Amino acid sequence: MGKGQSPLQRDILAALEAHPGWRRPRDILNALGREPTPSNRVGMTKALARLCERGLIQRERGEAMNVGKSYLYRWPQEHG
């Protein structure tokens, strides 16, 4: 633990900061120019979960926002 951020996590943070508002994981993959392969989706999910655990990004359940059962992510409002 305490290893800092991975390159993927840094890329995710930059993408969310550059594009305000709620984003689906596939939107973030697209913003990073990554194909939506199973391995990329798993890596993205794990990286997003870690960033949420650290309080660096916000997460909301997609059901409340009419986009299915996945989560939506954004740069925290207090940082923007």
C-alpha atoms as a PDB file:
ATOM      1  CA  MET A   1       0.000   0.000   0.000  1.00  0.00           C
ATOM      2  CA  GLY A   2       0.999   3.597  -0.362  1.00  0.00           C
ATOM      3  CA  LYS A   3       2.717   3.004  -3.675  1.00  0.00           C
ATOM      4  CA  GLY A   4       1.294   6.164  -5.219  1.00  0.00           C
ATOM      5  CA  GLN A   5      -0.714   6.254  -8.402  1.00  0.00           C
ATOM      6  CA  SER A   6      -0.323   4.002 -11.399  1.00  0.00           C
ATOM      7  CA  PRO A   7       0.022   5.532 -14.865  1.00  0.00           C
ATOM      8  CA  LEU A   8      -3.582   4.472 -15.571  1.00  0.00           C
ATOM      9  CA  GLN A   9      -4.810   6.190 -12.413  1.00  0.00           C
ATOM     10  CA  ARG A  10      -2.978   9.400 -13.354  1.00  0.00           C
ATOM     11  CA  ASP A  11      -4.503   9.235 -16.851  1.00  0.00           C
ATOM     12  CA  ILE A  12      -7.984   8.729 -15.385  1.00  0.00           C
ATOM     13  CA  LEU A  13      -7.580  11.721 -13.078  1.00  0.00           C
ATOM     14  CA  ALA A  14      -6.415  13.903 -15.970  1.00  0.00           C
ATOM     15  CA  ALA A  15      -9.329  12.784 -18.155  1.00  0.00           C
ATOM     16  CA  LEU A  16     -11.911  13.458 -15.434  1.00  0.00           C
ATOM     17  CA  GLU A  17     -10.412  16.837 -14.613  1.00  0.00           C
ATOM     18  CA  ALA A  18     -10.408  17.826 -18.293  1.00  0.00           C
ATOM     19  CA  HIS A  19     -14.020  16.715 -18.861  1.00  0.00           C
ATOM     20  CA  PRO A  20     -16.279  17.880 -16.005  1.00  0.00           C
ATOM     21  CA  GLY A  21     -19.445  16.008 -15.189  1.00  0.00           C
ATOM     22  CA  TRP A  22     -20.370  12.394 -14.631  1.00  0.00           C
ATOM     23  CA  ARG A  23     -18.640   9.843 -16.878  1.00  0.00           C
ATOM     24  CA  ARG A  24     -19.169   6.149 -17.483  1.00  0.00           C
ATOM     25  CA  PRO A  25     -16.122   3.881 -17.432  1.00  0.00           C
ATOM     26  CA  ARG A  26     -16.434   3.370 -21.199  1.00  0.00           C
ATOM     27  CA  ASP A  27     -16.428   7.172 -21.697  1.00  0.00           C
ATOM     28  CA  ILE A  28     -13.164   7.323 -19.758  1.00  0.00           C
ATOM     29  CA  LEU A  29     -11.714   4.445 -21.806  1.00  0.00           C
ATOM     30  CA  ASN A  30     -12.629   6.329 -24.980  1.00  0.00           C
ATOM     31  CA  ALA A  31     -11.101   9.561 -23.659  1.00  0.00           C
ATOM     32  CA  LEU A  32      -7.871   7.661 -22.998  1.00  0.00           C
ATOM     33  CA  GLY A  33      -7.901   6.087 -26.454  1.00  0.00           C
ATOM     34  CA  ARG A  34      -8.123   2.543 -25.055  1.00  0.00           C
ATOM     35  CA  GLU A  35     -10.096  -0.234 -26.677  1.00  0.00           C
ATOM     36  CA  PRO A  36     -12.989  -1.615 -24.576  1.00  0.00           C
ATOM     37  CA  THR A  37     -11.398  -5.062 -24.282  1.00  0.00           C
ATOM     38  CA  PRO A  38     -12.182  -7.234 -21.258  1.00  0.00           C
ATOM     39  CA  SER A  39      -8.711  -6.645 -19.786  1.00  0.00           C
ATOM     40  CA  ASN A  40      -8.933  -2.873 -20.266  1.00  0.00           C
ATOM     41  CA  ARG A  41     -12.398  -2.804 -18.667  1.00  0.00           C
ATOM     42  CA  VAL A  42     -11.183  -4.802 -15.654  1.00  0.00           C
ATOM     43  CA  GLY A  43      -8.113  -2.582 -15.266  1.00  0.00           C
ATOM     44  CA  MET A  44     -10.294   0.519 -15.519  1.00  0.00           C
ATOM     45  CA  THR A  45     -12.750  -0.806 -12.921  1.00  0.00           C
ATOM     46  CA  LYS A  46      -9.970  -1.584 -10.453  1.00  0.00           C
ATOM     47  CA  ALA A  47      -8.243   1.754 -10.999  1.00  0.00           C
ATOM     48  CA  LEU A  48     -11.521   3.667 -10.549  1.00  0.00           C
ATOM     49  CA  ALA A  49     -12.288   1.748  -7.347  1.00  0.00           C
ATOM     50  CA  ARG A  50      -8.861   2.595  -5.900  1.00  0.00           C
ATOM     51  CA  LEU A  51      -9.247   6.280  -6.764  1.00  0.00           C
ATOM     52  CA  CYS A  52     -12.671   6.301  -5.062  1.00  0.00           C
ATOM     53  CA  GLU A  53     -11.268   4.576  -1.967  1.00  0.00           C
ATOM     54  CA  ARG A  54      -8.637   7.301  -1.741  1.00  0.00           C
ATOM     55  CA  GLY A  55     -11.246  10.039  -2.122  1.00  0.00           C
ATOM     56  CA  LEU A  56      -9.677  11.360  -5.314  1.00  0.00           C
ATOM     57  CA  ILE A  57     -12.827  10.966  -7.428  1.00  0.00           C
ATOM     58  CA  GLN A  58     -16.551  10.660  -6.752  1.00  0.00           C
ATOM     59  CA  ARG A  59     -18.776   7.725  -7.665  1.00  0.00           C
ATOM     60  CA  GLU A  60     -22.562   7.472  -8.034  1.00  0.00           C
ATOM     61  CA  ARG A  61     -24.760   4.504  -8.797  1.00  0.00           C
ATOM     62  CA  GLY A  62     -25.933   4.722 -12.413  1.00  0.00           C
ATOM     63  CA  GLU A  63     -29.459   3.506 -11.659  1.00  0.00           C
ATOM     64  CA  ALA A  64     -30.347   6.882 -10.201  1.00  0.00           C
ATOM     65  CA  MET A  65     -29.176   8.536 -13.373  1.00  0.00           C
ATOM     66  CA  ASN A  66     -30.961   6.208 -15.823  1.00  0.00           C
ATOM     67  CA  VAL A  67     -27.865   4.604 -17.327  1.00  0.00           C
ATOM     68  CA  GLY A  68     -28.107   1.059 -16.034  1.00  0.00           C
ATOM     69  CA  LYS A  69     -26.423  -0.579 -13.091  1.00  0.00           C
ATOM     70  CA  SER A  70     -22.871   0.654 -13.549  1.00  0.00           C
ATOM     71  CA  TYR A  71     -21.269   3.501 -11.652  1.00  0.00           C
ATOM     72  CA  LEU A  72     -20.621   7.011 -12.900  1.00  0.00           C
ATOM     73  CA  TYR A  73     -17.477   8.904 -11.941  1.00  0.00           C
ATOM     74  CA  ARG A  74     -16.378  12.521 -11.799  1.00  0.00           C
ATOM     75  CA  TRP A  75     -13.699  14.824 -10.525  1.00  0.00           C
ATOM     76  CA  PRO A  76     -14.708  15.890  -6.990  1.00  0.00           C
ATOM     77  CA  GLN A  77     -16.596  19.171  -6.912  1.00  0.00           C
ATOM     78  CA  GLU A  78     -14.415  20.580  -4.165  1.00  0.00           C
ATOM     79  CA  HIS A  79     -11.410  20.285  -6.511  1.00  0.00           C
ATOM     80  CA  GLY A  80     -13.172  21.896  -9.465  1.00  0.00           C
END
